[in-house]
Amino acid sequence: MAENKLENQDYEQDLLTLTDEDGQEHEFEVVDAVDLDDERYLALVPVFSDPQESLEDSADLVILKVVPDEESGEEILQTIDDDDEFGRVADLFMERLEDTFEFEEDEE
Protein backbone atom coordinates (compact mmCIF):
# COMPACT_ATOMS: atom_id res chain seq x y z
CA MET A 1 0.00 0.00 0.00
CA ALA A 2 1.42 3.39 -0.99
CA GLU A 3 1.73 5.88 1.79
CA ASN A 4 0.99 9.56 1.14
CA LYS A 5 3.21 11.70 3.27
CA LEU A 6 3.14 15.47 3.49
CA GLU A 7 6.72 16.61 3.86
CA ASN A 8 7.67 19.86 5.52
CA GLN A 9 8.96 22.03 2.68
CA ASP A 10 10.71 25.28 3.39
CA TYR A 11 9.08 28.24 1.69
CA GLU A 12 11.57 30.80 0.52
CA GLN A 13 10.47 34.17 -0.75
CA ASP A 14 12.21 35.51 -3.84
CA LEU A 15 13.07 39.00 -2.57
CA LEU A 16 14.60 41.95 -4.42
CA THR A 17 15.83 45.24 -3.03
CA LEU A 18 15.28 48.11 -5.44
CA THR A 19 16.53 51.67 -5.15
CA ASP A 20 14.21 54.52 -6.19
CA GLU A 21 15.14 57.86 -7.79
CA ASP A 22 15.71 59.37 -4.32
CA GLY A 23 18.20 56.65 -3.34
CA GLN A 24 15.81 54.95 -0.90
CA GLU A 25 15.80 51.16 -0.86
CA HIS A 26 12.55 49.19 -0.97
CA GLU A 27 12.12 45.45 -0.65
CA PHE A 28 9.80 43.50 -2.96
CA GLU A 29 8.73 39.90 -3.31
CA VAL A 30 8.66 38.42 -6.81
CA VAL A 31 5.22 36.82 -7.07
CA ASP A 32 5.36 35.83 -10.73
CA ALA A 33 7.49 35.99 -13.86
CA VAL A 34 6.39 35.63 -17.45
CA ASP A 35 7.94 35.63 -20.91
CA LEU A 36 5.98 37.44 -23.62
CA ASP A 37 7.09 38.41 -27.13
CA ASP A 38 10.72 37.44 -26.37
CA GLU A 39 10.78 39.70 -23.29
CA ARG A 40 10.76 38.77 -19.59
CA TYR A 41 8.59 40.54 -17.01
CA LEU A 42 8.34 40.32 -13.22
CA ALA A 43 5.35 40.98 -10.97
CA LEU A 44 6.38 42.30 -7.54
CA VAL A 45 4.63 43.26 -4.32
CA PRO A 46 6.16 45.38 -1.56
CA VAL A 47 7.45 43.65 1.56
CA PHE A 48 6.87 45.39 4.88
CA SER A 49 8.90 44.81 8.03
CA ASP A 50 5.95 45.85 10.22
CA PRO A 51 2.97 43.45 9.93
CA GLN A 52 0.54 46.27 10.79
CA GLU A 53 1.88 48.36 7.90
CA SER A 54 1.36 45.38 5.61
CA LEU A 55 -2.31 45.14 6.64
CA GLU A 56 -2.91 48.86 6.15
CA ASP A 57 -1.28 49.15 2.71
CA SER A 58 -3.10 48.21 -0.47
CA ALA A 59 0.14 46.65 -1.84
CA ASP A 60 0.03 47.63 -5.46
CA LEU A 61 1.35 45.06 -7.91
CA VAL A 62 4.52 46.41 -9.52
CA ILE A 63 5.35 45.15 -13.01
CA LEU A 64 8.86 45.60 -14.37
CA LYS A 65 10.66 44.49 -17.52
CA VAL A 66 13.95 42.56 -17.36
CA VAL A 67 16.48 44.06 -19.79
CA PRO A 68 20.25 43.71 -20.28
CA ASP A 69 22.34 46.61 -18.98
CA GLU A 70 24.34 47.91 -21.94
CA GLU A 71 27.36 48.75 -19.78
CA SER A 72 27.67 45.67 -17.57
CA GLY A 73 25.71 43.11 -19.59
CA GLU A 74 23.85 42.10 -16.41
CA GLU A 75 20.07 42.01 -16.23
CA ILE A 76 18.36 45.06 -14.76
CA LEU A 77 14.72 45.96 -14.14
CA GLN A 78 13.03 48.92 -15.76
CA THR A 79 9.56 50.39 -15.94
CA ILE A 80 7.40 49.77 -18.98
CA ASP A 81 6.79 53.08 -20.75
CA ASP A 82 4.70 51.80 -23.66
CA ASP A 83 1.01 51.80 -22.61
CA ASP A 84 0.03 48.96 -24.98
CA GLU A 85 2.90 46.75 -23.83
CA PHE A 86 2.10 47.48 -20.18
CA GLY A 87 -1.59 46.73 -20.72
CA ARG A 88 -0.89 43.34 -22.31
CA VAL A 89 1.56 42.34 -19.58
CA ALA A 90 -0.67 43.63 -16.75
CA ASP A 91 -3.67 41.73 -18.13
CA LEU A 92 -1.60 38.55 -18.33
CA PHE A 93 -0.36 38.88 -14.74
CA MET A 94 -3.85 39.71 -13.47
CA GLU A 95 -5.22 36.58 -15.14
CA ARG A 96 -2.40 34.41 -13.76
CA LEU A 97 -2.63 35.85 -10.23
CA GLU A 98 -6.39 36.32 -9.84
CA ASP A 99 -6.66 33.34 -7.47
CA THR A 100 -3.92 34.73 -5.21
CA PHE A 101 -4.61 38.47 -5.19
CA GLU A 102 -7.67 40.69 -5.19
CA PHE A 103 -7.33 43.34 -7.89
CA GLU A 104 -9.13 46.66 -8.05
CA GLU A 105 -9.56 48.34 -11.40
CA ASP A 106 -8.21 51.89 -11.63
CA GLU A 107 -10.88 54.41 -12.55
CA GLU A 108 -9.77 57.19 -14.86
PDB file of N, CA and C in Angstrom:
ATOM      1  N   MET A   1       0.851  -1.169   0.000  1.00  0.00           N
ATOM      2  CA  MET A   1       0.000   0.000   0.000  1.00  0.00           C
ATOM      3  C   MET A   1       0.899   1.235   0.000  1.00  0.00           C
ATOM      4  N   ALA A   2       0.639   2.158  -0.908  1.00  0.00           N
ATOM      5  CA  ALA A   2       1.418   3.394  -0.992  1.00  0.00           C
ATOM      6  C   ALA A   2       1.012   4.318   0.142  1.00  0.00           C
ATOM      7  N   GLU A   3       2.003   4.979   0.678  1.00  0.00           N
ATOM      8  CA  GLU A   3       1.730   5.881   1.785  1.00  0.00           C
ATOM      9  C   GLU A   3       1.918   7.317   1.322  1.00  0.00           C
ATOM     10  N   ASN A   4       0.890   8.147   1.473  1.00  0.00           N
ATOM     11  CA  ASN A   4       0.991   9.562   1.140  1.00  0.00           C
ATOM     12  C   ASN A   4       1.522  10.295   2.357  1.00  0.00           C
ATOM     13  N   LYS A   5       2.577  11.019   2.161  1.00  0.00           N
ATOM     14  CA  LYS A   5       3.213  11.701   3.267  1.00  0.00           C
ATOM     15  C   LYS A   5       3.442  13.161   2.889  1.00  0.00           C
ATOM     16  N   LEU A   6       2.940  14.045   3.702  1.00  0.00           N
ATOM     17  CA  LEU A   6       3.143  15.472   3.491  1.00  0.00           C
ATOM     18  C   LEU A   6       4.459  15.858   4.145  1.00  0.00           C
ATOM     19  N   GLU A   7       5.413  16.242   3.328  1.00  0.00           N
ATOM     20  CA  GLU A   7       6.722  16.608   3.855  1.00  0.00           C
ATOM     21  C   GLU A   7       6.764  18.096   4.143  1.00  0.00           C
ATOM     22  N   ASN A   8       7.490  18.457   5.159  1.00  0.00           N
ATOM     23  CA  ASN A   8       7.674  19.861   5.517  1.00  0.00           C
ATOM     24  C   ASN A   8       8.637  20.485   4.513  1.00  0.00           C
ATOM     25  N   GLN A   9       8.135  21.360   3.671  1.00  0.00           N
ATOM     26  CA  GLN A   9       8.964  22.027   2.676  1.00  0.00           C
ATOM     27  C   GLN A   9       9.164  23.468   3.101  1.00  0.00           C
ATOM     28  N   ASP A  10      10.409  23.891   3.046  1.00  0.00           N
ATOM     29  CA  ASP A  10      10.711  25.276   3.390  1.00  0.00           C
ATOM     30  C   ASP A  10      10.235  26.183   2.269  1.00  0.00           C
ATOM     31  N   TYR A  11       9.554  27.253   2.650  1.00  0.00           N
ATOM     32  CA  TYR A  11       9.085  28.238   1.692  1.00  0.00           C
ATOM     33  C   TYR A  11      10.043  29.416   1.725  1.00  0.00           C
ATOM     34  N   GLU A  12      10.660  29.674   0.596  1.00  0.00           N
ATOM     35  CA  GLU A  12      11.574  30.803   0.519  1.00  0.00           C
ATOM     36  C   GLU A  12      10.987  31.849  -0.409  1.00  0.00           C
ATOM     37  N   GLN A  13      10.940  33.075   0.075  1.00  0.00           N
ATOM     38  CA  GLN A  13      10.472  34.166  -0.753  1.00  0.00           C
ATOM     39  C   GLN A  13      11.599  34.599  -1.680  1.00  0.00           C
ATOM     40  N   ASP A  14      11.249  34.963  -2.891  1.00  0.00           N
ATOM     41  CA  ASP A  14      12.207  35.513  -3.836  1.00  0.00           C
ATOM     42  C   ASP A  14      12.152  37.022  -3.666  1.00  0.00           C
ATOM     43  N   LEU A  15      13.098  37.583  -2.924  1.00  0.00           N
ATOM     44  CA  LEU A  15      13.073  39.000  -2.572  1.00  0.00           C
ATOM     45  C   LEU A  15      14.099  39.786  -3.384  1.00  0.00           C
ATOM     46  N   LEU A  16      13.720  41.007  -3.726  1.00  0.00           N
ATOM     47  CA  LEU A  16      14.597  41.946  -4.417  1.00  0.00           C
ATOM     48  C   LEU A  16      14.594  43.260  -3.665  1.00  0.00           C
ATOM     49  N   THR A  17      15.745  43.898  -3.584  1.00  0.00           N
ATOM     50  CA  THR A  17      15.828  45.237  -3.028  1.00  0.00           C
ATOM     51  C   THR A  17      16.079  46.191  -4.174  1.00  0.00           C
ATOM     52  N   LEU A  18      15.168  47.139  -4.362  1.00  0.00           N
ATOM     53  CA  LEU A  18      15.276  48.111  -5.444  1.00  0.00           C
ATOM     54  C   LEU A  18      15.490  49.494  -4.864  1.00  0.00           C
ATOM     55  N   THR A  19      16.246  50.305  -5.570  1.00  0.00           N
ATOM     56  CA  THR A  19      16.534  51.668  -5.148  1.00  0.00           C
ATOM     57  C   THR A  19      15.753  52.629  -6.034  1.00  0.00           C
ATOM     58  N   ASP A  20      14.997  53.553  -5.413  1.00  0.00           N
ATOM     59  CA  ASP A  20      14.215  54.516  -6.188  1.00  0.00           C
ATOM     60  C   ASP A  20      15.069  55.712  -6.597  1.00  0.00           C
ATOM     61  N   GLU A  21      14.434  56.676  -7.276  1.00  0.00           N
ATOM     62  CA  GLU A  21      15.141  57.856  -7.789  1.00  0.00           C
ATOM     63  C   GLU A  21      15.763  58.694  -6.675  1.00  0.00           C
ATOM     64  N   ASP A  22      15.211  58.593  -5.463  1.00  0.00           N
ATOM     65  CA  ASP A  22      15.715  59.366  -4.325  1.00  0.00           C
ATOM     66  C   ASP A  22      16.787  58.615  -3.537  1.00  0.00           C
ATOM     67  N   GLY A  23      17.174  57.428  -4.017  1.00  0.00           N
ATOM     68  CA  GLY A  23      18.199  56.653  -3.339  1.00  0.00           C
ATOM     69  C   GLY A  23      17.697  55.806  -2.190  1.00  0.00           C
ATOM     70  N   GLN A  24      16.385  55.751  -1.987  1.00  0.00           N
ATOM     71  CA  GLN A  24      15.813  54.946  -0.904  1.00  0.00           C
ATOM     72  C   GLN A  24      15.610  53.511  -1.388  1.00  0.00           C
ATOM     73  N   GLU A  25      15.957  52.567  -0.523  1.00  0.00           N
ATOM     74  CA  GLU A  25      15.796  51.161  -0.857  1.00  0.00           C
ATOM     75  C   GLU A  25      14.432  50.649  -0.410  1.00  0.00           C
ATOM     76  N   HIS A  26      13.843  49.803  -1.250  1.00  0.00           N
ATOM     77  CA  HIS A  26      12.547  49.189  -0.966  1.00  0.00           C
ATOM     78  C   HIS A  26      12.663  47.709  -1.293  1.00  0.00           C
ATOM     79  N   GLU A  27      12.061  46.879  -0.436  1.00  0.00           N
ATOM     80  CA  GLU A  27      12.124  45.445  -0.650  1.00  0.00           C
ATOM     81  C   GLU A  27      10.813  44.957  -1.270  1.00  0.00           C
ATOM     82  N   PHE A  28      10.944  44.056  -2.247  1.00  0.00           N
ATOM     83  CA  PHE A  28       9.800  43.503  -2.960  1.00  0.00           C
ATOM     84  C   PHE A  28       9.926  41.990  -3.037  1.00  0.00           C
ATOM     85  N   GLU A  29       8.772  41.337  -3.071  1.00  0.00           N
ATOM     86  CA  GLU A  29       8.730  39.903  -3.311  1.00  0.00           C
ATOM     87  C   GLU A  29       8.311  39.675  -4.760  1.00  0.00           C
ATOM     88  N   VAL A  30       9.036  38.812  -5.449  1.00  0.00           N
ATOM     89  CA  VAL A  30       8.661  38.423  -6.808  1.00  0.00           C
ATOM     90  C   VAL A  30       7.555  37.387  -6.683  1.00  0.00           C
ATOM     91  N   VAL A  31       6.359  37.734  -7.184  1.00  0.00           N
ATOM     92  CA  VAL A  31       5.222  36.821  -7.066  1.00  0.00           C
ATOM     93  C   VAL A  31       4.958  36.055  -8.353  1.00  0.00           C
ATOM     94  N   ASP A  32       5.524  36.533  -9.467  1.00  0.00           N
ATOM     95  CA  ASP A  32       5.355  35.825 -10.731  1.00  0.00           C
ATOM     96  C   ASP A  32       6.342  36.387 -11.745  1.00  0.00           C
ATOM     97  N   ALA A  33       6.639  35.575 -12.740  1.00  0.00           N
ATOM     98  CA  ALA A  33       7.486  35.988 -13.859  1.00  0.00           C
ATOM     99  C   ALA A  33       6.889  35.384 -15.113  1.00  0.00           C
ATOM    100  N   VAL A  34       6.975  36.116 -16.206  1.00  0.00           N
ATOM    101  CA  VAL A  34       6.391  35.632 -17.447  1.00  0.00           C
ATOM    102  C   VAL A  34       7.244  36.112 -18.625  1.00  0.00           C
ATOM    103  N   ASP A  35       7.297  35.264 -19.657  1.00  0.00           N
ATOM    104  CA  ASP A  35       7.941  35.630 -20.914  1.00  0.00           C
ATOM    105  C   ASP A  35       6.849  35.905 -21.930  1.00  0.00           C
ATOM    106  N   LEU A  36       6.963  37.037 -22.618  1.00  0.00           N
ATOM    107  CA  LEU A  36       5.976  37.438 -23.618  1.00  0.00           C
ATOM    108  C   LEU A  36       6.692  38.183 -24.727  1.00  0.00           C
ATOM    109  N   ASP A  37       6.482  37.750 -25.961  1.00  0.00           N
ATOM    110  CA  ASP A  37       7.094  38.407 -27.127  1.00  0.00           C
ATOM    111  C   ASP A  37       8.605  38.554 -26.952  1.00  0.00           C
ATOM    112  N   ASP A  38       9.266  37.482 -26.552  1.00  0.00           N
ATOM    113  CA  ASP A  38      10.724  37.438 -26.371  1.00  0.00           C
ATOM    114  C   ASP A  38      11.246  38.403 -25.315  1.00  0.00           C
ATOM    115  N   GLU A  39      10.387  38.833 -24.407  1.00  0.00           N
ATOM    116  CA  GLU A  39      10.778  39.703 -23.293  1.00  0.00           C
ATOM    117  C   GLU A  39      10.389  39.007 -21.993  1.00  0.00           C
ATOM    118  N   ARG A  40      11.075  39.347 -20.900  1.00  0.00           N
ATOM    119  CA  ARG A  40      10.764  38.772 -19.586  1.00  0.00           C
ATOM    120  C   ARG A  40      10.276  39.881 -18.665  1.00  0.00           C
ATOM    121  N   TYR A  41       9.213  39.581 -17.910  1.00  0.00           N
ATOM    122  CA  TYR A  41       8.592  40.543 -17.007  1.00  0.00           C
ATOM    123  C   TYR A  41       8.442  39.916 -15.623  1.00  0.00           C
ATOM    124  N   LEU A  42       8.531  40.767 -14.588  1.00  0.00           N
ATOM    125  CA  LEU A  42       8.341  40.323 -13.215  1.00  0.00           C
ATOM    126  C   LEU A  42       7.181  41.074 -12.581  1.00  0.00           C
ATOM    127  N   ALA A  43       6.408  40.363 -11.774  1.00  0.00           N
ATOM    128  CA  ALA A  43       5.353  40.977 -10.970  1.00  0.00           C
ATOM    129  C   ALA A  43       5.845  40.964  -9.530  1.00  0.00           C
ATOM    130  N   LEU A  44       5.843  42.133  -8.885  1.00  0.00           N
ATOM    131  CA  LEU A  44       6.378  42.301  -7.542  1.00  0.00           C
ATOM    132  C   LEU A  44       5.334  42.916  -6.631  1.00  0.00           C
ATOM    133  N   VAL A  45       5.428  42.586  -5.345  1.00  0.00           N
ATOM    134  CA  VAL A  45       4.627  43.262  -4.317  1.00  0.00           C
ATOM    135  C   VAL A  45       5.584  43.739  -3.229  1.00  0.00           C
ATOM    136  N   PRO A  46       5.286  44.885  -2.621  1.00  0.00           N
ATOM    137  CA  PRO A  46       6.162  45.383  -1.560  1.00  0.00           C
ATOM    138  C   PRO A  46       6.158  44.468  -0.346  1.00  0.00           C
ATOM    139  N   VAL A  47       7.301  44.403   0.323  1.00  0.00           N
ATOM    140  CA  VAL A  47       7.450  43.647   1.558  1.00  0.00           C
ATOM    141  C   VAL A  47       7.598  44.658   2.684  1.00  0.00           C
ATOM    142  N   PHE A  48       6.838  44.464   3.749  1.00  0.00           N
ATOM    143  CA  PHE A  48       6.866  45.391   4.879  1.00  0.00           C
ATOM    144  C   PHE A  48       7.458  44.687   6.092  1.00  0.00           C
ATOM    145  N   SER A  49       8.310  45.400   6.820  1.00  0.00           N
ATOM    146  CA  SER A  49       8.897  44.814   8.027  1.00  0.00           C
ATOM    147  C   SER A  49       7.902  44.817   9.183  1.00  0.00           C
ATOM    148  N   ASP A  50       6.962  45.746   9.166  1.00  0.00           N
ATOM    149  CA  ASP A  50       5.953  45.852  10.215  1.00  0.00           C
ATOM    150  C   ASP A  50       4.655  45.198   9.726  1.00  0.00           C
ATOM    151  N   PRO A  51       4.200  44.122  10.363  1.00  0.00           N
ATOM    152  CA  PRO A  51       2.973  43.448   9.928  1.00  0.00           C
ATOM    153  C   PRO A  51       1.764  44.379   9.873  1.00  0.00           C
ATOM    154  N   GLN A  52       1.671  45.339  10.785  1.00  0.00           N
ATOM    155  CA  GLN A  52       0.536  46.271  10.786  1.00  0.00           C
ATOM    156  C   GLN A  52       0.561  47.132   9.516  1.00  0.00           C
ATOM    157  N   GLU A  53       1.747  47.570   9.126  1.00  0.00           N
ATOM    158  CA  GLU A  53       1.885  48.364   7.902  1.00  0.00           C
ATOM    159  C   GLU A  53       1.444  47.553   6.694  1.00  0.00           C
ATOM    160  N   SER A  54       1.757  46.270   6.698  1.00  0.00           N
ATOM    161  CA  SER A  54       1.360  45.385   5.612  1.00  0.00           C
ATOM    162  C   SER A  54      -0.158  45.297   5.505  1.00  0.00           C
ATOM    163  N   LEU A  55      -0.850  45.230   6.635  1.00  0.00           N
ATOM    164  CA  LEU A  55      -2.310  45.140   6.637  1.00  0.00           C
ATOM    165  C   LEU A  55      -2.970  46.436   6.183  1.00  0.00           C
ATOM    166  N   GLU A  56      -2.328  47.564   6.466  1.00  0.00           N
ATOM    167  CA  GLU A  56      -2.908  48.864   6.149  1.00  0.00           C
ATOM    168  C   GLU A  56      -2.647  49.301   4.714  1.00  0.00           C
ATOM    169  N   ASP A  57      -1.654  48.740   4.062  1.00  0.00           N
ATOM    170  CA  ASP A  57      -1.284  49.152   2.714  1.00  0.00           C
ATOM    171  C   ASP A  57      -2.042  48.318   1.686  1.00  0.00           C
ATOM    172  N   SER A  58      -2.373  48.925   0.562  1.00  0.00           N
ATOM    173  CA  SER A  58      -3.101  48.206  -0.471  1.00  0.00           C
ATOM    174  C   SER A  58      -2.182  47.315  -1.299  1.00  0.00           C
ATOM    175  N   ALA A  59      -0.862  47.484  -1.162  1.00  0.00           N
ATOM    176  CA  ALA A  59       0.138  46.647  -1.837  1.00  0.00           C
ATOM    177  C   ALA A  59      -0.112  46.549  -3.334  1.00  0.00           C
ATOM    178  N   ASP A  60       0.156  47.628  -4.015  1.00  0.00           N
ATOM    179  CA  ASP A  60       0.029  47.629  -5.463  1.00  0.00           C
ATOM    180  C   ASP A  60       0.970  46.604  -6.085  1.00  0.00           C
ATOM    181  N   LEU A  61       0.518  45.974  -7.140  1.00  0.00           N
ATOM    182  CA  LEU A  61       1.346  45.060  -7.908  1.00  0.00           C
ATOM    183  C   LEU A  61       2.251  45.907  -8.792  1.00  0.00           C
ATOM    184  N   VAL A  62       3.545  45.673  -8.714  1.00  0.00           N
ATOM    185  CA  VAL A  62       4.519  46.405  -9.516  1.00  0.00           C
ATOM    186  C   VAL A  62       4.996  45.476 -10.622  1.00  0.00           C
ATOM    187  N   ILE A  63       4.933  45.957 -11.865  1.00  0.00           N
ATOM    188  CA  ILE A  63       5.355  45.152 -13.006  1.00  0.00           C
ATOM    189  C   ILE A  63       6.551  45.833 -13.652  1.00  0.00           C
ATOM    190  N   LEU A  64       7.634  45.065 -13.779  1.00  0.00           N
ATOM    191  CA  LEU A  64       8.861  45.595 -14.368  1.00  0.00           C
ATOM    192  C   LEU A  64       9.359  44.662 -15.465  1.00  0.00           C
ATOM    193  N   LYS A  65      10.102  45.226 -16.388  1.00  0.00           N
ATOM    194  CA  LYS A  65      10.660  44.488 -17.518  1.00  0.00           C
ATOM    195  C   LYS A  65      12.127  44.185 -17.225  1.00  0.00           C
ATOM    196  N   VAL A  66      12.560  42.964 -17.527  1.00  0.00           N
ATOM    197  CA  VAL A  66      13.952  42.557 -17.359  1.00  0.00           C
ATOM    198  C   VAL A  66      14.677  42.853 -18.668  1.00  0.00           C
ATOM    199  N   VAL A  67      15.716  43.690 -18.597  1.00  0.00           N
ATOM    200  CA  VAL A  67      16.483  44.056 -19.789  1.00  0.00           C
ATOM    201  C   VAL A  67      17.978  43.958 -19.479  1.00  0.00           C
ATOM    202  N   PRO A  68      18.797  43.730 -20.515  1.00  0.00           N
ATOM    203  CA  PRO A  68      20.247  43.709 -20.275  1.00  0.00           C
ATOM    204  C   PRO A  68      20.778  45.135 -20.125  1.00  0.00           C
ATOM    205  N   ASP A  69      21.670  45.326 -19.159  1.00  0.00           N
ATOM    206  CA  ASP A  69      22.338  46.609 -18.978  1.00  0.00           C
ATOM    207  C   ASP A  69      23.420  46.708 -20.043  1.00  0.00           C
ATOM    208  N   GLU A  70      23.394  47.766 -20.837  1.00  0.00           N
ATOM    209  CA  GLU A  70      24.336  47.912 -21.939  1.00  0.00           C
ATOM    210  C   GLU A  70      25.782  48.017 -21.466  1.00  0.00           C
ATOM    211  N   GLU A  71      25.996  48.582 -20.286  1.00  0.00           N
ATOM    212  CA  GLU A  71      27.360  48.746 -19.781  1.00  0.00           C
ATOM    213  C   GLU A  71      27.919  47.465 -19.177  1.00  0.00           C
ATOM    214  N   SER A  72      27.156  46.834 -18.290  1.00  0.00           N
ATOM    215  CA  SER A  72      27.668  45.667 -17.567  1.00  0.00           C
ATOM    216  C   SER A  72      27.277  44.342 -18.210  1.00  0.00           C
ATOM    217  N   GLY A  73      26.213  44.347 -19.012  1.00  0.00           N
ATOM    218  CA  GLY A  73      25.713  43.107 -19.592  1.00  0.00           C
ATOM    219  C   GLY A  73      24.825  42.320 -18.646  1.00  0.00           C
ATOM    220  N   GLU A  74      24.717  42.768 -17.378  1.00  0.00           N
ATOM    221  CA  GLU A  74      23.854  42.103 -16.412  1.00  0.00           C
ATOM    222  C   GLU A  74      22.399  42.499 -16.643  1.00  0.00           C
ATOM    223  N   GLU A  75      21.495  41.695 -16.107  1.00  0.00           N
ATOM    224  CA  GLU A  75      20.075  42.013 -16.233  1.00  0.00           C
ATOM    225  C   GLU A  75      19.686  43.064 -15.198  1.00  0.00           C
ATOM    226  N   ILE A  76      18.893  44.036 -15.648  1.00  0.00           N
ATOM    227  CA  ILE A  76      18.359  45.059 -14.759  1.00  0.00           C
ATOM    228  C   ILE A  76      16.852  45.121 -14.955  1.00  0.00           C
ATOM    229  N   LEU A  77      16.170  45.793 -14.045  1.00  0.00           N
ATOM    230  CA  LEU A  77      14.724  45.959 -14.141  1.00  0.00           C
ATOM    231  C   LEU A  77      14.414  47.398 -14.506  1.00  0.00           C
ATOM    232  N   GLN A  78      13.443  47.569 -15.398  1.00  0.00           N
ATOM    233  CA  GLN A  78      13.032  48.918 -15.762  1.00  0.00           C
ATOM    234  C   GLN A  78      11.521  48.982 -15.898  1.00  0.00           C
ATOM    235  N   THR A  79      11.005  50.194 -15.770  1.00  0.00           N
ATOM    236  CA  THR A  79       9.565  50.391 -15.935  1.00  0.00           C
ATOM    237  C   THR A  79       9.183  50.202 -17.395  1.00  0.00           C
ATOM    238  N   ILE A  80       7.917  49.961 -17.622  1.00  0.00           N
ATOM    239  CA  ILE A  80       7.403  49.771 -18.980  1.00  0.00           C
ATOM    240  C   ILE A  80       6.716  51.067 -19.389  1.00  0.00           C
ATOM    241  N   ASP A  81       7.311  51.780 -20.344  1.00  0.00           N
ATOM    242  CA  ASP A  81       6.794  53.081 -20.754  1.00  0.00           C
ATOM    243  C   ASP A  81       5.696  52.994 -21.803  1.00  0.00           C
ATOM    244  N   ASP A  82       5.694  51.954 -22.603  1.00  0.00           N
ATOM    245  CA  ASP A  82       4.700  51.800 -23.661  1.00  0.00           C
ATOM    246  C   ASP A  82       3.380  51.326 -23.055  1.00  0.00           C
ATOM    247  N   ASP A  83       2.317  52.115 -23.212  1.00  0.00           N
ATOM    248  CA  ASP A  83       1.014  51.800 -22.612  1.00  0.00           C
ATOM    249  C   ASP A  83       0.434  50.480 -23.122  1.00  0.00           C
ATOM    250  N   ASP A  84       0.568  50.202 -24.424  1.00  0.00           N
ATOM    251  CA  ASP A  84       0.031  48.959 -24.983  1.00  0.00           C
ATOM    252  C   ASP A  84       0.769  47.748 -24.428  1.00  0.00           C
ATOM    253  N   GLU A  85       2.094  47.837 -24.381  1.00  0.00           N
ATOM    254  CA  GLU A  85       2.900  46.751 -23.835  1.00  0.00           C
ATOM    255  C   GLU A  85       2.541  46.521 -22.368  1.00  0.00           C
ATOM    256  N   PHE A  86       2.443  47.605 -21.586  1.00  0.00           N
ATOM    257  CA  PHE A  86       2.103  47.478 -20.175  1.00  0.00           C
ATOM    258  C   PHE A  86       0.721  46.852 -20.003  1.00  0.00           C
ATOM    259  N   GLY A  87      -0.232  47.273 -20.807  1.00  0.00           N
ATOM    260  CA  GLY A  87      -1.591  46.734 -20.718  1.00  0.00           C
ATOM    261  C   GLY A  87      -1.637  45.241 -20.973  1.00  0.00           C
ATOM    262  N   ARG A  88      -0.920  44.777 -22.006  1.00  0.00           N
ATOM    263  CA  ARG A  88      -0.886  43.343 -22.312  1.00  0.00           C
ATOM    264  C   ARG A  88      -0.266  42.546 -21.170  1.00  0.00           C
ATOM    265  N   VAL A  89       0.857  43.044 -20.652  1.00  0.00           N
ATOM    266  CA  VAL A  89       1.556  42.342 -19.580  1.00  0.00           C
ATOM    267  C   VAL A  89       0.729  42.371 -18.291  1.00  0.00           C
ATOM    268  N   ALA A  90       0.150  43.509 -17.953  1.00  0.00           N
ATOM    269  CA  ALA A  90      -0.669  43.628 -16.750  1.00  0.00           C
ATOM    270  C   ALA A  90      -1.867  42.688 -16.821  1.00  0.00           C
ATOM    271  N   ASP A  91      -2.528  42.639 -17.967  1.00  0.00           N
ATOM    272  CA  ASP A  91      -3.672  41.731 -18.128  1.00  0.00           C
ATOM    273  C   ASP A  91      -3.252  40.280 -17.933  1.00  0.00           C
ATOM    274  N   LEU A  92      -2.096  39.915 -18.467  1.00  0.00           N
ATOM    275  CA  LEU A  92      -1.600  38.548 -18.331  1.00  0.00           C
ATOM    276  C   LEU A  92      -1.315  38.212 -16.864  1.00  0.00           C
ATOM    277  N   PHE A  93      -0.629  39.120 -16.157  1.00  0.00           N
ATOM    278  CA  PHE A  93      -0.356  38.877 -14.741  1.00  0.00           C
ATOM    279  C   PHE A  93      -1.647  38.829 -13.925  1.00  0.00           C
ATOM    280  N   MET A  94      -2.585  39.709 -14.218  1.00  0.00           N
ATOM    281  CA  MET A  94      -3.850  39.709 -13.468  1.00  0.00           C
ATOM    282  C   MET A  94      -4.590  38.388 -13.655  1.00  0.00           C
ATOM    283  N   GLU A  95      -4.566  37.864 -14.870  1.00  0.00           N
ATOM    284  CA  GLU A  95      -5.217  36.583 -15.141  1.00  0.00           C
ATOM    285  C   GLU A  95      -4.514  35.452 -14.396  1.00  0.00           C
ATOM    286  N   ARG A  96      -3.175  35.468 -14.406  1.00  0.00           N
ATOM    287  CA  ARG A  96      -2.404  34.409 -13.756  1.00  0.00           C
ATOM    288  C   ARG A  96      -2.490  34.466 -12.237  1.00  0.00           C
ATOM    289  N   LEU A  97      -2.668  35.669 -11.676  1.00  0.00           N
ATOM    290  CA  LEU A  97      -2.626  35.851 -10.228  1.00  0.00           C
ATOM    291  C   LEU A  97      -3.991  36.087  -9.584  1.00  0.00           C
ATOM    292  N   GLU A  98      -5.073  35.980 -10.359  1.00  0.00           N
ATOM    293  CA  GLU A  98      -6.389  36.318  -9.838  1.00  0.00           C
ATOM    294  C   GLU A  98      -6.828  35.425  -8.674  1.00  0.00           C
ATOM    295  N   ASP A  99      -6.297  34.215  -8.583  1.00  0.00           N
ATOM    296  CA  ASP A  99      -6.659  33.337  -7.474  1.00  0.00           C
ATOM    297  C   ASP A  99      -5.878  33.668  -6.203  1.00  0.00           C
ATOM    298  N   THR A 100      -4.788  34.410  -6.348  1.00  0.00           N
ATOM    299  CA  THR A 100      -3.922  34.731  -5.213  1.00  0.00           C
ATOM    300  C   THR A 100      -4.162  36.129  -4.672  1.00  0.00           C
ATOM    301  N   PHE A 101      -4.469  37.075  -5.568  1.00  0.00           N
ATOM    302  CA  PHE A 101      -4.612  38.474  -5.186  1.00  0.00           C
ATOM    303  C   PHE A 101      -5.979  38.999  -5.600  1.00  0.00           C
ATOM    304  N   GLU A 102      -6.419  40.016  -4.864  1.00  0.00           N
ATOM    305  CA  GLU A 102      -7.675  40.691  -5.191  1.00  0.00           C
ATOM    306  C   GLU A 102      -7.306  42.008  -5.865  1.00  0.00           C
ATOM    307  N   PHE A 103      -7.690  42.143  -7.127  1.00  0.00           N
ATOM    308  CA  PHE A 103      -7.330  43.335  -7.892  1.00  0.00           C
ATOM    309  C   PHE A 103      -8.483  44.313  -7.945  1.00  0.00           C
ATOM    310  N   GLU A 104      -8.152  45.598  -7.875  1.00  0.00           N
ATOM    311  CA  GLU A 104      -9.133  46.661  -8.054  1.00  0.00           C
ATOM    312  C   GLU A 104      -8.789  47.393  -9.343  1.00  0.00           C
ATOM    313  N   GLU A 105      -9.779  47.625 -10.159  1.00  0.00           N
ATOM    314  CA  GLU A 105      -9.563  48.342 -11.404  1.00  0.00           C
ATOM    315  C   GLU A 105      -9.396  49.832 -11.121  1.00  0.00           C
ATOM    316  N   ASP A 106      -8.394  50.449 -11.748  1.00  0.00           N
ATOM    317  CA  ASP A 106      -8.213  51.888 -11.632  1.00  0.00           C
ATOM    318  C   ASP A 106      -9.272  52.596 -12.439  1.00  0.00           C
ATOM    319  N   GLU A 107      -9.891  53.604 -11.831  1.00  0.00           N
ATOM    320  CA  GLU A 107     -10.880  54.411 -12.551  1.00  0.00           C
ATOM    321  C   GLU A 107     -10.221  55.686 -13.013  1.00  0.00           C
ATOM    322  N   GLU A 108     -10.392  55.980 -14.301  1.00  0.00           N
ATOM    323  CA  GLU A 108      -9.769  57.191 -14.860  1.00  0.00           C
ATOM    324  C   GLU A 108     -10.794  58.252 -15.126  1.00  0.00           C
TER     325      GLU A 108
END
